[in-house]
C-alpha atoms as a PDB file:
ATOM      1  CA  MET A   1      61.734  43.491  33.365  1.00  0.00           C
ATOM      2  CA  LEU A   2      59.193  45.273  31.341  1.00  0.00           C
ATOM      3  CA  ARG A   3      60.297  44.836  28.175  1.00  0.00           C
ATOM      4  CA  ASN A   4      61.329  41.307  28.530  1.00  0.00           C
ATOM      5  CA  LEU A   5      57.757  40.964  29.281  1.00  0.00           C
ATOM      6  CA  GLU A   6      56.968  42.985  26.143  1.00  0.00           C
ATOM      7  CA  GLN A   7      59.260  41.088  23.886  1.00  0.00           C
ATOM      8  CA  VAL A   8      57.724  37.543  25.249  1.00  0.00           C
ATOM      9  CA  HIS A   9      53.845  38.387  25.560  1.00  0.00           C
ATOM     10  CA  GLY A  10      53.728  41.403  23.356  1.00  0.00           C
ATOM     11  CA  LYS A  11      52.559  43.948  26.107  1.00  0.00           C
ATOM     12  CA  VAL A  12      52.128  44.226  29.876  1.00  0.00           C
ATOM     13  CA  GLU A  13      48.616  44.442  31.865  1.00  0.00           C
ATOM     14  CA  PHE A  14      48.466  45.132  35.132  1.00  0.00           C
ATOM     15  CA  ASN A  15      45.014  44.947  37.313  1.00  0.00           C
ATOM     16  CA  ALA A  16      46.156  48.254  39.319  1.00  0.00           C
ATOM     17  CA  PRO A  17      47.963  51.443  37.790  1.00  0.00           C
ATOM     18  CA  LEU A  18      51.772  51.125  38.005  1.00  0.00           C
ATOM     19  CA  ILE A  19      53.260  53.792  40.227  1.00  0.00           C
ATOM     20  CA  VAL A  20      56.849  54.649  39.419  1.00  0.00           C
ATOM     21  CA  ALA A  21      58.504  57.109  42.163  1.00  0.00           C
ATOM     22  CA  ALA A  22      62.161  57.531  41.930  1.00  0.00           C
ATOM     23  CA  PRO A  23      63.545  58.802  44.729  1.00  0.00           C
ATOM     24  CA  THR A  24      65.670  61.710  42.841  1.00  0.00           C
ATOM     25  CA  TYR A  25      65.900  63.289  39.523  1.00  0.00           C
ATOM     26  CA  ASN A  26      69.371  62.497  39.193  1.00  0.00           C
ATOM     27  CA  ILE A  27      67.890  58.800  39.011  1.00  0.00           C
ATOM     28  CA  ILE A  28      65.394  59.778  36.391  1.00  0.00           C
ATOM     29  CA  ASP A  29      67.830  61.480  34.258  1.00  0.00           C
ATOM     30  CA  GLU A  30      69.859  57.788  34.290  1.00  0.00           C
ATOM     31  CA  LEU A  31      66.920  55.988  33.745  1.00  0.00           C
ATOM     32  CA  LYS A  32      65.919  58.522  30.748  1.00  0.00           C
ATOM     33  CA  GLN A  33      69.613  58.542  29.291  1.00  0.00           C
ATOM     34  CA  GLU A  34      69.248  54.536  29.341  1.00  0.00           C
ATOM     35  CA  GLY A  35      65.989  54.510  27.545  1.00  0.00           C
ATOM     36  CA  ASP A  36      63.975  53.156  30.475  1.00  0.00           C
ATOM     37  CA  TRP A  37      61.882  55.935  31.337  1.00  0.00           C
ATOM     38  CA  ASP A  38      60.107  55.711  28.336  1.00  0.00           C
ATOM     39  CA  VAL A  39      59.102  52.304  29.206  1.00  0.00           C
ATOM     40  CA  LEU A  40      57.958  53.284  32.750  1.00  0.00           C
ATOM     41  CA  GLN A  41      55.840  56.452  31.124  1.00  0.00           C
ATOM     42  CA  LYS A  42      54.162  54.015  28.674  1.00  0.00           C
ATOM     43  CA  TYR A  43      52.456  51.558  31.553  1.00  0.00           C
ATOM     44  CA  SER A  44      52.501  54.162  34.579  1.00  0.00           C
ATOM     45  CA  GLY A  45      48.803  55.098  36.018  1.00  0.00           C
ATOM     46  CA  PHE A  46      49.335  59.129  35.768  1.00  0.00           C
ATOM     47  CA  GLU A  47      52.122  61.453  35.511  1.00  0.00           C
ATOM     48  CA  PHE A  48      52.583  64.261  37.924  1.00  0.00           C
ATOM     49  CA  ASP A  49      53.853  67.358  36.514  1.00  0.00           C
ATOM     50  CA  ASP A  50      56.341  69.181  39.361  1.00  0.00           C
ATOM     51  CA  ASP A  51      56.004  72.339  36.773  1.00  0.00           C
ATOM     52  CA  ALA A  52      51.914  72.659  37.988  1.00  0.00           C
ATOM     53  CA  PRO A  53      51.569  70.060  40.911  1.00  0.00           C
ATOM     54  CA  GLN A  54      47.480  71.171  41.628  1.00  0.00           C
ATOM     55  CA  GLU A  55      46.835  72.225  38.172  1.00  0.00           C
ATOM     56  CA  HIS A  56      47.762  68.995  36.003  1.00  0.00           C
ATOM     57  CA  PHE A  57      48.064  64.942  35.878  1.00  0.00           C
ATOM     58  CA  SER A  58      47.724  63.371  32.991  1.00  0.00           C
ATOM     59  CA  TYR A  59      46.036  60.134  33.566  1.00  0.00           C
ATOM     60  CA  ARG A  60      46.673  57.229  31.828  1.00  0.00           C
ATOM     61  CA  ILE A  61      44.239  54.650  33.327  1.00  0.00           C
END
């Protein structure tokens, strides 16, 4: 959906941060293989780092 919106409008804008919460790491792996994870990361409001949960949030807002 985001790719289609990008093709039509050039970019996608949200009025609030996009939150992406995949239920399992297997789904994240599938999204990465299909190339969809990059698109979701591009539009997400922040990314949580599992390796440093209290030390690192990469905010994109």
